[in-house]
Amino acid sequence: MADLNKVADDIDGFADREFKAGGFKFTPASIAAIFAFVSTVVGGLYGGFVMYQKIEEVAGLDLGAYQQQMEVMDAKVSGMAEKVEEAVEYSRDIKNGLKDDLLRIEQQVDRIDNTVRAIEDRVDASIRSNETEVRRLIDENMADIRVMIDAADVRFENQRERVRSSQDADMKELEDRLTNKLQRALDNPLAD
């Protein structure tokens, strides 16, 4: 610990020390300032030298070649601008054509819609007319059908009555025949 205190005291004392060189007295702070100043000057000189090289490069450039390249680029840009203008015009034509097509389609749809409505109205009217006619025919024919049913009932009853009468007559005849046979069998002296 004592060594550490001694090192700390040496460091504190270092700031107060002075160095002599070439007849000048220097403190550690002035040495650092001189070092910073010298490095700034050397850095500035280096930057100036690099800048000088760049200026020499630019000064030695062939501006004619750059001018030719610029003219070629201008021609390309002009050509591209014309193509872009043509594309824009073509797009406008397409847009206008599509707009016209849509308007025509819309008009056709309106016409078809009107036609369909007219047909629906005619069909509805026809259906109502047919329903009325069918009801009228049903009403007319119901009376005829009732008359036919009543006539068939009368014929059926008459036929049934004839069958009953015929059966009654046949039964009476059968009964008479059976009675005669029975009487003969009873009257027969040999049957005893």
C-alpha atoms as a PDB file:
ATOM      1  CA  MET A   1       0.000   0.000   0.000  1.00  0.00           C
ATOM      2  CA  ALA A   2       2.851   2.266   0.731  1.00  0.00           C
ATOM      3  CA  ASP A   3       4.132   1.638  -2.784  1.00  0.00           C
ATOM      4  CA  LEU A   4       0.852   2.723  -4.203  1.00  0.00           C
ATOM      5  CA  ASN A   5       0.868   5.925  -2.268  1.00  0.00           C
ATOM      6  CA  LYS A   6       4.384   6.604  -3.455  1.00  0.00           C
ATOM      7  CA  VAL A   7       3.316   6.004  -7.118  1.00  0.00           C
ATOM      8  CA  ALA A   8       0.334   8.302  -6.621  1.00  0.00           C
ATOM      9  CA  ASP A   9       2.564  10.999  -5.120  1.00  0.00           C
ATOM     10  CA  ASP A  10       4.990  10.608  -8.029  1.00  0.00           C
ATOM     11  CA  ILE A  11       2.144  11.081 -10.501  1.00  0.00           C
ATOM     12  CA  ASP A  12       0.867  14.181  -8.675  1.00  0.00           C
ATOM     13  CA  GLY A  13       4.338  15.527  -8.625  1.00  0.00           C
ATOM     14  CA  PHE A  14       4.828  14.818 -12.322  1.00  0.00           C
ATOM     15  CA  ALA A  15       2.422  17.600 -13.291  1.00  0.00           C
ATOM     16  CA  ASP A  16       4.629  20.113 -11.440  1.00  0.00           C
ATOM     17  CA  ARG A  17       7.931  18.994 -12.968  1.00  0.00           C
ATOM     18  CA  GLU A  18       9.724  20.876 -15.663  1.00  0.00           C
ATOM     19  CA  PHE A  19      12.016  19.574 -18.386  1.00  0.00           C
ATOM     20  CA  LYS A  20      14.732  21.530 -20.041  1.00  0.00           C
ATOM     21  CA  ALA A  21      15.612  21.061 -23.678  1.00  0.00           C
ATOM     22  CA  GLY A  22      17.488  23.453 -25.949  1.00  0.00           C
ATOM     23  CA  GLY A  23      17.346  26.229 -23.393  1.00  0.00           C
ATOM     24  CA  PHE A  24      13.602  26.008 -22.989  1.00  0.00           C
ATOM     25  CA  LYS A  25      11.642  24.783 -19.991  1.00  0.00           C
ATOM     26  CA  PHE A  26       8.764  22.413 -20.735  1.00  0.00           C
ATOM     27  CA  THR A  27       5.986  21.039 -18.543  1.00  0.00           C
ATOM     28  CA  PRO A  28       4.203  17.820 -19.468  1.00  0.00           C
ATOM     29  CA  ALA A  29       1.136  19.899 -20.572  1.00  0.00           C
ATOM     30  CA  SER A  30       3.253  22.092 -22.866  1.00  0.00           C
ATOM     31  CA  ILE A  31       4.902  18.964 -24.342  1.00  0.00           C
ATOM     32  CA  ALA A  32       1.436  17.542 -25.108  1.00  0.00           C
ATOM     33  CA  ALA A  33       0.366  20.869 -26.682  1.00  0.00           C
ATOM     34  CA  ILE A  34       3.522  20.984 -28.831  1.00  0.00           C
ATOM     35  CA  PHE A  35       2.940  17.380 -29.929  1.00  0.00           C
ATOM     36  CA  ALA A  36      -0.682  18.213 -30.864  1.00  0.00           C
ATOM     37  CA  PHE A  37       0.444  21.291 -32.810  1.00  0.00           C
ATOM     38  CA  VAL A  38       3.148  19.390 -34.709  1.00  0.00           C
ATOM     39  CA  SER A  39       0.760  16.507 -35.575  1.00  0.00           C
ATOM     40  CA  THR A  40      -1.866  19.015 -36.796  1.00  0.00           C
ATOM     41  CA  VAL A  41       0.676  20.710 -39.066  1.00  0.00           C
ATOM     42  CA  VAL A  42       1.935  17.363 -40.422  1.00  0.00           C
ATOM     43  CA  GLY A  43      -1.692  16.184 -41.008  1.00  0.00           C
ATOM     44  CA  GLY A  44      -2.504  19.446 -42.805  1.00  0.00           C
ATOM     45  CA  LEU A  45       0.563  19.077 -45.012  1.00  0.00           C
ATOM     46  CA  TYR A  46      -0.389  15.486 -45.859  1.00  0.00           C
ATOM     47  CA  GLY A  47      -3.976  16.533 -46.703  1.00  0.00           C
ATOM     48  CA  GLY A  48      -2.636  19.337 -48.891  1.00  0.00           C
ATOM     49  CA  PHE A  49      -0.368  16.920 -50.713  1.00  0.00           C
ATOM     50  CA  VAL A  50      -3.268  14.475 -51.374  1.00  0.00           C
ATOM     51  CA  MET A  51      -5.440  17.372 -52.569  1.00  0.00           C
ATOM     52  CA  TYR A  52      -2.631  18.521 -54.864  1.00  0.00           C
ATOM     53  CA  GLN A  53      -2.487  15.005 -56.410  1.00  0.00           C
ATOM     54  CA  LYS A  54      -6.272  15.037 -57.012  1.00  0.00           C
ATOM     55  CA  ILE A  55      -6.088  18.459 -58.649  1.00  0.00           C
ATOM     56  CA  GLU A  56      -3.278  17.211 -60.901  1.00  0.00           C
ATOM     57  CA  GLU A  57      -5.460  14.243 -61.895  1.00  0.00           C
ATOM     58  CA  VAL A  58      -8.394  16.497 -62.746  1.00  0.00           C
ATOM     59  CA  ALA A  59      -6.168  18.912 -64.619  1.00  0.00           C
ATOM     60  CA  GLY A  60      -4.769  16.066 -66.691  1.00  0.00           C
ATOM     61  CA  LEU A  61      -8.190  14.693 -67.657  1.00  0.00           C
ATOM     62  CA  ASP A  62      -9.243  14.545 -71.291  1.00  0.00           C
ATOM     63  CA  LEU A  63     -12.388  16.698 -71.322  1.00  0.00           C
ATOM     64  CA  GLY A  64     -13.090  15.849 -74.945  1.00  0.00           C
ATOM     65  CA  ALA A  65     -13.677  12.180 -74.061  1.00  0.00           C
ATOM     66  CA  TYR A  66     -15.992  13.238 -71.237  1.00  0.00           C
ATOM     67  CA  GLN A  67     -17.786  15.568 -73.635  1.00  0.00           C
ATOM     68  CA  GLN A  68     -18.272  12.716 -76.102  1.00  0.00           C
ATOM     69  CA  GLN A  69     -19.574  10.446 -73.349  1.00  0.00           C
ATOM     70  CA  MET A  70     -21.963  13.205 -72.229  1.00  0.00           C
ATOM     71  CA  GLU A  71     -23.235  13.601 -75.816  1.00  0.00           C
ATOM     72  CA  VAL A  72     -23.779   9.836 -76.068  1.00  0.00           C
ATOM     73  CA  MET A  73     -25.645   9.892 -72.743  1.00  0.00           C
ATOM     74  CA  ASP A  74     -27.697  12.879 -73.930  1.00  0.00           C
ATOM     75  CA  ALA A  75     -28.628  10.975 -77.091  1.00  0.00           C
ATOM     76  CA  LYS A  76     -29.593   7.916 -75.027  1.00  0.00           C
ATOM     77  CA  VAL A  77     -31.609  10.038 -72.606  1.00  0.00           C
ATOM     78  CA  SER A  78     -33.309  11.814 -75.523  1.00  0.00           C
ATOM     79  CA  GLY A  79     -34.131   8.458 -77.115  1.00  0.00           C
ATOM     80  CA  MET A  80     -35.452   7.183 -73.817  1.00  0.00           C
ATOM     81  CA  ALA A  81     -37.492  10.342 -73.355  1.00  0.00           C
ATOM     82  CA  GLU A  82     -39.041   9.833 -76.804  1.00  0.00           C
ATOM     83  CA  LYS A  83     -39.800   6.199 -76.003  1.00  0.00           C
ATOM     84  CA  VAL A  84     -41.314   7.217 -72.680  1.00  0.00           C
ATOM     85  CA  GLU A  85     -43.436   9.823 -74.471  1.00  0.00           C
ATOM     86  CA  GLU A  86     -44.547   7.203 -76.999  1.00  0.00           C
ATOM     87  CA  ALA A  87     -45.357   4.791 -74.174  1.00  0.00           C
ATOM     88  CA  VAL A  88     -47.351   7.484 -72.380  1.00  0.00           C
ATOM     89  CA  GLU A  89     -49.256   8.275 -75.583  1.00  0.00           C
ATOM     90  CA  TYR A  90     -49.876   4.575 -76.213  1.00  0.00           C
ATOM     91  CA  SER A  91     -51.097   4.180 -72.612  1.00  0.00           C
ATOM     92  CA  ARG A  92     -53.445   7.139 -73.100  1.00  0.00           C
ATOM     93  CA  ASP A  93     -54.801   5.549 -76.290  1.00  0.00           C
ATOM     94  CA  ILE A  94     -55.333   2.253 -74.477  1.00  0.00           C
ATOM     95  CA  LYS A  95     -57.028   4.034 -71.569  1.00  0.00           C
ATOM     96  CA  ASN A  96     -59.341   5.938 -73.904  1.00  0.00           C
ATOM     97  CA  GLY A  97     -60.084   2.755 -75.873  1.00  0.00           C
ATOM     98  CA  LEU A  98     -60.912   0.889 -72.674  1.00  0.00           C
ATOM     99  CA  LYS A  99     -63.097   3.765 -71.524  1.00  0.00           C
ATOM    100  CA  ASP A 100     -64.999   3.689 -74.844  1.00  0.00           C
ATOM    101  CA  ASP A 101     -65.351  -0.095 -74.620  1.00  0.00           C
ATOM    102  CA  LEU A 102     -66.696   0.173 -71.077  1.00  0.00           C
ATOM    103  CA  LEU A 103     -69.222   2.802 -72.144  1.00  0.00           C
ATOM    104  CA  ARG A 104     -70.391   0.603 -75.039  1.00  0.00           C
ATOM    105  CA  ILE A 105     -70.678  -2.419 -72.747  1.00  0.00           C
ATOM    106  CA  GLU A 106     -72.608  -0.352 -70.224  1.00  0.00           C
ATOM    107  CA  GLN A 107     -75.020   0.778 -72.960  1.00  0.00           C
ATOM    108  CA  GLN A 108     -75.475  -2.795 -74.137  1.00  0.00           C
ATOM    109  CA  VAL A 109     -76.128  -3.932 -70.571  1.00  0.00           C
ATOM    110  CA  ASP A 110     -78.735  -1.171 -70.200  1.00  0.00           C
ATOM    111  CA  ARG A 111     -80.433  -2.254 -73.438  1.00  0.00           C
ATOM    112  CA  ILE A 112     -80.384  -5.906 -72.391  1.00  0.00           C
ATOM    113  CA  ASP A 113     -81.718  -4.961 -68.969  1.00  0.00           C
ATOM    114  CA  ASN A 114     -84.591  -3.021 -70.566  1.00  0.00           C
ATOM    115  CA  THR A 115     -85.331  -5.938 -72.925  1.00  0.00           C
ATOM    116  CA  VAL A 116     -85.334  -8.412 -70.050  1.00  0.00           C
ATOM    117  CA  ARG A 117     -87.689  -6.201 -68.043  1.00  0.00           C
ATOM    118  CA  ALA A 118     -90.062  -5.908 -71.006  1.00  0.00           C
ATOM    119  CA  ILE A 119     -89.987  -9.682 -71.501  1.00  0.00           C
ATOM    120  CA  GLU A 120     -90.577 -10.243 -67.781  1.00  0.00           C
ATOM    121  CA  ASP A 121     -93.577  -7.895 -67.926  1.00  0.00           C
ATOM    122  CA  ARG A 122     -94.980  -9.765 -70.951  1.00  0.00           C
ATOM    123  CA  VAL A 123     -94.386 -13.148 -69.297  1.00  0.00           C
ATOM    124  CA  ASP A 124     -96.034 -11.963 -66.063  1.00  0.00           C
ATOM    125  CA  ALA A 125     -99.028 -10.655 -68.019  1.00  0.00           C
ATOM    126  CA  SER A 126     -99.236 -13.918 -69.977  1.00  0.00           C
ATOM    127  CA  ILE A 127     -99.057 -15.952 -66.769  1.00  0.00           C
ATOM    128  CA  ARG A 128    -101.823 -13.884 -65.185  1.00  0.00           C
ATOM    129  CA  SER A 129    -103.942 -14.229 -68.348  1.00  0.00           C
ATOM    130  CA  ASN A 130    -103.354 -17.990 -68.494  1.00  0.00           C
ATOM    131  CA  GLU A 131    -104.178 -18.378 -64.797  1.00  0.00           C
ATOM    132  CA  THR A 132    -107.442 -16.526 -65.338  1.00  0.00           C
ATOM    133  CA  GLU A 133    -108.251 -18.659 -68.402  1.00  0.00           C
ATOM    134  CA  VAL A 134    -107.396 -21.891 -66.570  1.00  0.00           C
ATOM    135  CA  ARG A 135    -109.600 -20.905 -63.617  1.00  0.00           C
ATOM    136  CA  ARG A 136    -112.447 -20.046 -65.991  1.00  0.00           C
ATOM    137  CA  LEU A 137    -112.070 -23.376 -67.816  1.00  0.00           C
ATOM    138  CA  ILE A 138    -111.914 -25.261 -64.520  1.00  0.00           C
ATOM    139  CA  ASP A 139    -115.058 -23.498 -63.327  1.00  0.00           C
ATOM    140  CA  GLU A 140    -116.856 -24.244 -66.632  1.00  0.00           C
ATOM    141  CA  ASN A 141    -115.737 -27.843 -66.715  1.00  0.00           C
ATOM    142  CA  MET A 142    -116.505 -28.418 -63.032  1.00  0.00           C
ATOM    143  CA  ALA A 143    -120.185 -27.924 -63.779  1.00  0.00           C
ATOM    144  CA  ASP A 144    -119.944 -30.327 -66.727  1.00  0.00           C
ATOM    145  CA  ILE A 145    -117.981 -32.804 -64.644  1.00  0.00           C
ATOM    146  CA  ARG A 146    -120.548 -32.633 -61.853  1.00  0.00           C
ATOM    147  CA  VAL A 147    -123.352 -33.241 -64.374  1.00  0.00           C
ATOM    148  CA  MET A 148    -121.393 -36.203 -65.790  1.00  0.00           C
ATOM    149  CA  ILE A 149    -120.798 -37.601 -62.293  1.00  0.00           C
ATOM    150  CA  ASP A 150    -124.460 -37.199 -61.409  1.00  0.00           C
ATOM    151  CA  ALA A 151    -125.488 -38.933 -64.674  1.00  0.00           C
ATOM    152  CA  ALA A 152    -123.030 -41.750 -63.974  1.00  0.00           C
ATOM    153  CA  ASP A 153    -124.462 -42.080 -60.457  1.00  0.00           C
ATOM    154  CA  VAL A 154    -127.986 -42.362 -61.892  1.00  0.00           C
ATOM    155  CA  ARG A 155    -126.850 -44.952 -64.465  1.00  0.00           C
ATOM    156  CA  PHE A 156    -125.010 -46.915 -61.782  1.00  0.00           C
ATOM    157  CA  GLU A 157    -128.080 -46.889 -59.533  1.00  0.00           C
ATOM    158  CA  ASN A 158    -130.311 -47.981 -62.405  1.00  0.00           C
ATOM    159  CA  GLN A 159    -127.911 -50.781 -63.314  1.00  0.00           C
ATOM    160  CA  ARG A 160    -127.749 -51.876 -59.689  1.00  0.00           C
ATOM    161  CA  GLU A 161    -131.516 -51.919 -59.463  1.00  0.00           C
ATOM    162  CA  ARG A 162    -131.737 -54.016 -62.633  1.00  0.00           C
ATOM    163  CA  VAL A 163    -129.147 -56.425 -61.256  1.00  0.00           C
ATOM    164  CA  ARG A 164    -131.076 -56.648 -57.973  1.00  0.00           C
ATOM    165  CA  SER A 165    -134.357 -57.213 -59.773  1.00  0.00           C
ATOM    166  CA  SER A 166    -132.737 -59.810 -61.966  1.00  0.00           C
ATOM    167  CA  GLN A 167    -131.199 -61.489 -58.938  1.00  0.00           C
ATOM    168  CA  ASP A 168    -134.496 -61.394 -57.094  1.00  0.00           C
ATOM    169  CA  ALA A 169    -136.224 -62.995 -60.081  1.00  0.00           C
ATOM    170  CA  ASP A 170    -133.479 -65.608 -60.433  1.00  0.00           C
ATOM    171  CA  MET A 171    -133.626 -66.324 -56.725  1.00  0.00           C
ATOM    172  CA  LYS A 172    -137.406 -66.660 -56.846  1.00  0.00           C
ATOM    173  CA  GLU A 173    -137.156 -69.071 -59.784  1.00  0.00           C
ATOM    174  CA  LEU A 174    -134.427 -71.061 -58.013  1.00  0.00           C
ATOM    175  CA  GLU A 175    -136.464 -71.164 -54.860  1.00  0.00           C
ATOM    176  CA  ASP A 176    -139.509 -72.357 -56.764  1.00  0.00           C
ATOM    177  CA  ARG A 177    -137.498 -75.080 -58.484  1.00  0.00           C
ATOM    178  CA  LEU A 178    -135.983 -76.219 -55.221  1.00  0.00           C
ATOM    179  CA  THR A 179    -139.381 -76.213 -53.573  1.00  0.00           C
ATOM    180  CA  ASN A 180    -140.837 -78.332 -56.401  1.00  0.00           C
ATOM    181  CA  LYS A 181    -137.979 -80.817 -56.216  1.00  0.00           C
ATOM    182  CA  LEU A 182    -138.298 -81.019 -52.466  1.00  0.00           C
ATOM    183  CA  GLN A 183    -142.028 -81.522 -52.732  1.00  0.00           C
ATOM    184  CA  ARG A 184    -141.586 -84.264 -55.285  1.00  0.00           C
ATOM    185  CA  ALA A 185    -139.038 -85.946 -53.120  1.00  0.00           C
ATOM    186  CA  LEU A 186    -141.385 -85.817 -50.168  1.00  0.00           C
ATOM    187  CA  ASP A 187    -144.319 -86.985 -52.220  1.00  0.00           C
ATOM    188  CA  ASN A 188    -142.415 -89.968 -53.553  1.00  0.00           C
ATOM    189  CA  PRO A 189    -143.692 -93.139 -51.826  1.00  0.00           C
ATOM    190  CA  LEU A 190    -140.453 -94.928 -52.393  1.00  0.00           C
ATOM    191  CA  ALA A 191    -138.462 -92.441 -50.429  1.00  0.00           C
ATOM    192  CA  ASP A 192    -139.773 -93.764 -47.118  1.00  0.00           C
END
